[in-house]
Amino acid sequence: MSVPVDAATRDDVPVILTRSLSKTYAAHTEAEVHALIGVDLRISRGEFVAIMGPSGSGKSTLMNLIGCLDTPTSGTYECDGVDVSTLDAEDLAALRRDKIGFVFQGFNLLPRMSALDNVAMPLGYARVPPHERIERAREALVSVGLGERVGHKPSELSGGQQQRVAIARALINRPPILLADEPTGALDSKTGEEILALFKRLRDDDHTVVLITHDADVAAHADRTYVMRDGELHPEGAA
């Protein structure tokens, strides 16, 4: 079942636009699983949207499709105006690098590298000159409140500080979209609130933040919330 596409909060081209997006695993077998069913979703630049649901509801599958980490069985997805189905593997990797920043519950920092080097690392893949990498990484750390911790390794940082490093790294290529999968799950409530406040500031700076969570209190910080149920996406409050 498809749900109506919400009207965009802005008149510009949506940053995320899906039409009848579906994902089926083990198709045409007895083990067939419909993980995502006819999802229509429109998110504009500068929105903070939460997608909420329990384990197995399909929210992680949707995030993987929006993040171009997987391909749909049917339907279409336009990322910042680009139909991702038209891209080859190389162009898809470039779009993922330039358009999407990822933040995960587990931080995924390299333990032997400083905060500065962790943040600068994606710029190496983008072939940014070394001196520019360091400058941009330092600026990114300052923007998340860690200007005094650039030389610290992950083991020398608190959980909240490590997540801020991860957010700075996700932003280093200046992507329009930030996908955050349970970003406060490993943090205490106070630190989680600080991370959510940071997402709101990023939204105010015209980033689009999509938050995946099972926690209604976390989702309440977003501008809009959707609920995943059995692979279908519903606006919050819909029956």
Protein backbone atom coordinates (compact mmCIF):
# COMPACT_ATOMS: atom_id res chain seq x y z
CA MET A 1 0.00 0.00 0.00
CA SER A 2 1.28 3.47 -0.89
CA VAL A 3 0.74 6.51 1.26
CA PRO A 4 0.21 9.97 -0.25
CA VAL A 5 3.33 12.02 -0.85
CA ASP A 6 3.45 14.91 1.59
CA ALA A 7 3.59 18.40 0.16
CA ALA A 8 7.15 19.69 0.30
CA THR A 9 7.78 22.37 2.85
CA ARG A 10 9.75 24.26 0.20
CA ASP A 11 9.19 24.81 -3.52
CA ASP A 12 12.62 23.56 -4.58
CA VAL A 13 13.44 20.13 -5.96
CA PRO A 14 13.18 17.56 -3.15
CA VAL A 15 16.45 16.14 -1.90
CA ILE A 16 14.82 12.73 -1.38
CA LEU A 17 11.96 11.55 -3.57
CA THR A 18 10.75 7.95 -3.72
CA ARG A 19 7.80 6.59 -5.70
CA SER A 20 6.32 3.15 -4.98
CA LEU A 21 9.69 2.00 -3.62
CA SER A 22 9.70 -1.70 -2.78
CA LYS A 23 12.24 -4.28 -1.71
CA THR A 24 11.69 -8.03 -1.73
CA TYR A 25 14.27 -10.53 -0.53
CA ALA A 26 14.44 -14.08 -1.89
CA ALA A 27 11.84 -13.14 -4.50
CA HIS A 28 9.80 -15.95 -6.09
CA THR A 29 10.81 -18.45 -3.43
CA GLU A 30 9.06 -19.89 -0.39
CA ALA A 31 11.26 -17.67 1.77
CA GLU A 32 10.14 -14.45 0.01
CA VAL A 33 10.12 -11.45 2.36
CA HIS A 34 8.53 -8.10 1.44
CA ALA A 35 10.78 -5.78 3.46
CA LEU A 36 9.49 -2.57 1.86
CA ILE A 37 6.13 -2.07 0.15
CA GLY A 38 5.22 0.85 -2.11
CA VAL A 39 6.92 3.64 -0.18
CA ASP A 40 6.28 7.21 -1.36
CA LEU A 41 8.42 9.78 0.42
CA ARG A 42 9.32 13.40 -0.31
CA ILE A 43 11.83 15.33 1.80
CA SER A 44 13.03 18.84 0.99
CA ARG A 45 16.35 20.50 1.70
CA GLY A 46 16.63 21.74 5.25
CA GLU A 47 14.13 19.30 6.79
CA PHE A 48 14.68 17.11 9.83
CA VAL A 49 12.64 13.93 9.38
CA ALA A 50 12.43 10.89 11.64
CA ILE A 51 11.52 7.39 10.47
CA MET A 52 10.44 5.33 13.44
CA GLY A 53 9.60 1.69 13.87
CA PRO A 54 10.50 -1.51 15.71
CA SER A 55 13.13 -3.98 14.57
CA GLY A 56 12.01 -5.73 11.40
CA SER A 57 9.58 -3.01 10.35
CA GLY A 58 11.60 -2.04 7.27
CA LYS A 59 13.15 1.23 8.42
CA SER A 60 16.74 0.03 8.00
CA THR A 61 15.91 -1.31 4.54
CA LEU A 62 14.53 2.11 3.61
CA MET A 63 17.66 3.79 4.95
CA ASN A 64 19.86 1.47 2.89
CA LEU A 65 17.92 2.37 -0.25
CA ILE A 66 17.99 6.11 0.47
CA GLY A 67 21.71 5.80 1.21
CA CYS A 68 22.30 3.97 -2.09
CA LEU A 69 23.70 0.99 -0.20
CA ASP A 70 21.13 -1.30 -1.81
CA THR A 71 18.85 -1.30 -4.86
CA PRO A 72 15.04 -1.55 -4.87
CA THR A 73 13.11 -4.42 -6.38
CA SER A 74 10.72 -1.90 -7.91
CA GLY A 75 9.88 1.79 -7.78
CA THR A 76 12.13 4.83 -8.20
CA TYR A 77 14.39 6.97 -6.04
CA GLU A 78 15.69 10.42 -6.94
CA CYS A 79 18.55 11.70 -4.79
CA ASP A 80 18.93 15.47 -5.07
CA GLY A 81 17.24 15.35 -8.48
CA VAL A 82 19.18 12.34 -9.81
CA ASP A 83 17.40 9.08 -10.65
CA VAL A 84 19.82 6.64 -9.05
CA SER A 85 18.67 3.77 -11.30
CA THR A 86 20.39 5.53 -14.23
CA LEU A 87 23.83 5.44 -12.58
CA ASP A 88 26.56 2.85 -13.07
CA ALA A 89 28.59 1.58 -10.11
CA GLU A 90 31.22 4.31 -10.36
CA ASP A 91 28.70 7.15 -10.62
CA LEU A 92 26.66 5.66 -7.79
CA ALA A 93 29.72 5.58 -5.54
CA ALA A 94 30.43 9.22 -6.42
CA LEU A 95 26.84 10.22 -5.62
CA ARG A 96 27.01 8.40 -2.29
CA ARG A 97 30.30 10.17 -1.49
CA ASP A 98 29.14 13.64 -2.49
CA LYS A 99 25.45 13.66 -1.55
CA ILE A 100 25.10 11.52 1.58
CA GLY A 101 26.76 11.51 4.98
CA PHE A 102 26.24 8.52 7.29
CA VAL A 103 26.13 8.48 11.10
CA PHE A 104 25.77 5.16 12.92
CA GLN A 105 25.14 4.07 16.49
CA GLY A 106 28.62 2.53 16.77
CA PHE A 107 30.64 5.61 15.70
CA ASN A 108 32.94 3.49 13.44
CA LEU A 109 36.06 5.54 14.16
CA LEU A 110 39.55 4.17 13.56
CA PRO A 111 41.06 3.76 17.05
CA ARG A 112 44.69 4.57 16.17
CA MET A 113 43.87 7.78 14.34
CA SER A 114 43.27 11.18 15.87
CA ALA A 115 39.90 12.89 15.60
CA LEU A 116 41.39 15.14 12.92
CA ASP A 117 42.65 12.21 10.84
CA ASN A 118 39.37 10.30 11.23
CA VAL A 119 37.43 13.28 9.91
CA ALA A 120 39.89 14.00 7.10
CA MET A 121 39.96 10.41 5.83
CA PRO A 122 37.03 10.63 3.34
CA LEU A 123 38.71 13.57 1.62
CA GLY A 124 41.55 11.27 0.59
CA TYR A 125 39.11 9.19 -1.45
CA ALA A 126 37.88 12.43 -3.02
CA ARG A 127 41.51 13.28 -3.94
CA VAL A 128 41.52 16.52 -1.97
CA PRO A 129 45.09 17.85 -1.44
CA PRO A 130 46.52 17.01 2.03
CA HIS A 131 46.75 20.61 3.26
CA GLU A 132 43.10 21.22 2.35
CA ARG A 133 42.04 17.98 4.04
CA ILE A 134 43.52 19.10 7.35
CA GLU A 135 42.01 22.58 7.11
CA ARG A 136 38.54 21.29 6.27
CA ALA A 137 38.68 18.56 8.94
CA ARG A 138 39.65 21.13 11.56
CA GLU A 139 36.77 23.37 10.49
CA ALA A 140 34.35 20.44 10.66
CA LEU A 141 35.45 19.57 14.19
CA VAL A 142 35.08 23.18 15.27
CA SER A 143 31.55 23.19 13.81
CA VAL A 144 30.53 20.29 16.09
CA GLY A 145 32.19 21.81 19.17
CA LEU A 146 35.41 19.78 19.20
CA GLY A 147 37.96 22.39 18.16
CA GLU A 148 40.00 21.61 21.28
CA ARG A 149 40.01 17.84 20.73
CA VAL A 150 41.44 17.54 17.22
CA GLY A 151 44.53 15.58 18.35
CA HIS A 152 42.69 13.15 20.62
CA LYS A 153 42.17 9.50 19.69
CA PRO A 154 38.72 7.90 20.13
CA SER A 155 39.76 6.21 23.40
CA GLU A 156 40.49 9.67 24.82
CA LEU A 157 37.01 10.96 24.00
CA SER A 158 33.61 10.41 25.60
CA GLY A 159 30.84 8.63 23.71
CA GLY A 160 29.19 11.93 22.85
CA GLN A 161 32.47 13.38 21.62
CA GLN A 162 33.10 10.30 19.48
CA GLN A 163 29.66 10.70 17.92
CA ARG A 164 30.45 14.36 17.19
CA VAL A 165 33.63 13.22 15.42
CA ALA A 166 31.52 10.79 13.41
CA ILE A 167 29.10 13.59 12.49
CA ALA A 168 31.99 15.86 11.46
CA ARG A 169 33.31 13.05 9.26
CA ALA A 170 29.87 12.56 7.71
CA LEU A 171 29.75 16.27 6.86
CA ILE A 172 33.30 16.61 5.52
CA ASN A 173 32.31 16.28 1.86
CA ARG A 174 29.52 18.82 2.43
CA PRO A 175 26.69 16.48 1.46
CA PRO A 176 23.12 17.80 1.37
CA ILE A 177 21.80 14.67 3.14
CA LEU A 178 22.75 13.30 6.56
CA LEU A 179 21.43 9.81 7.35
CA ALA A 180 21.60 8.95 11.04
CA ASP A 181 20.84 5.34 12.09
CA GLU A 182 20.06 5.14 15.84
CA PRO A 183 22.74 7.83 16.48
CA THR A 184 21.87 8.20 20.17
CA GLY A 185 21.46 4.48 20.91
CA ALA A 186 24.86 4.12 22.59
CA LEU A 187 24.63 7.40 24.53
CA ASP A 188 23.13 8.44 27.85
CA SER A 189 20.03 10.61 27.69
CA LYS A 190 21.81 13.93 28.34
CA THR A 191 24.45 13.30 25.68
CA GLY A 192 21.76 12.07 23.30
CA GLU A 193 19.91 15.36 23.74
CA GLU A 194 23.09 17.24 22.85
CA ILE A 195 23.50 15.22 19.64
CA LEU A 196 19.86 15.85 18.70
CA ALA A 197 20.35 19.57 19.32
CA LEU A 198 23.33 19.41 16.97
CA PHE A 199 21.14 17.85 14.27
CA LYS A 200 18.71 20.74 14.67
CA ARG A 201 21.53 23.23 14.15
CA LEU A 202 22.60 21.33 11.04
CA ARG A 203 19.03 21.51 9.78
CA ASP A 204 19.07 25.26 10.37
CA ASP A 205 22.24 25.39 8.24
CA ASP A 206 20.24 23.83 5.35
CA HIS A 207 21.31 20.21 5.78
CA THR A 208 18.62 17.57 5.36
CA VAL A 209 18.65 15.19 8.33
CA VAL A 210 16.94 11.79 8.19
CA LEU A 211 16.91 10.04 11.55
CA ILE A 212 16.20 6.31 11.87
CA THR A 213 15.07 5.34 15.37
CA HIS A 214 12.86 3.00 17.38
CA ASP A 215 12.48 5.62 20.16
CA ALA A 216 9.45 7.95 20.08
CA ASP A 217 11.18 10.44 22.40
CA VAL A 218 14.08 10.73 19.96
CA ALA A 219 11.76 11.00 16.96
CA ALA A 220 9.88 13.84 18.67
CA HIS A 221 12.85 16.14 18.01
CA ALA A 222 12.28 15.98 14.25
CA ASP A 223 10.07 18.32 12.22
CA ARG A 224 8.12 15.38 10.79
CA THR A 225 7.87 11.73 11.78
CA TYR A 226 6.95 8.66 9.77
CA VAL A 227 6.21 5.24 11.20
CA MET A 228 7.21 1.97 9.49
CA ARG A 229 4.82 -0.95 9.95
CA ASP A 230 5.37 -4.25 8.16
CA GLY A 231 7.28 -2.60 5.33
CA GLU A 232 4.81 0.22 4.81
CA LEU A 233 5.47 3.89 5.58
CA HIS A 234 2.80 5.95 7.35
CA PRO A 235 2.79 9.59 8.52
CA GLU A 236 2.79 9.74 12.30
CA GLY A 237 -0.71 9.48 13.65
CA ALA A 238 -2.13 7.74 10.57
CA ALA A 239 -4.22 4.68 11.21
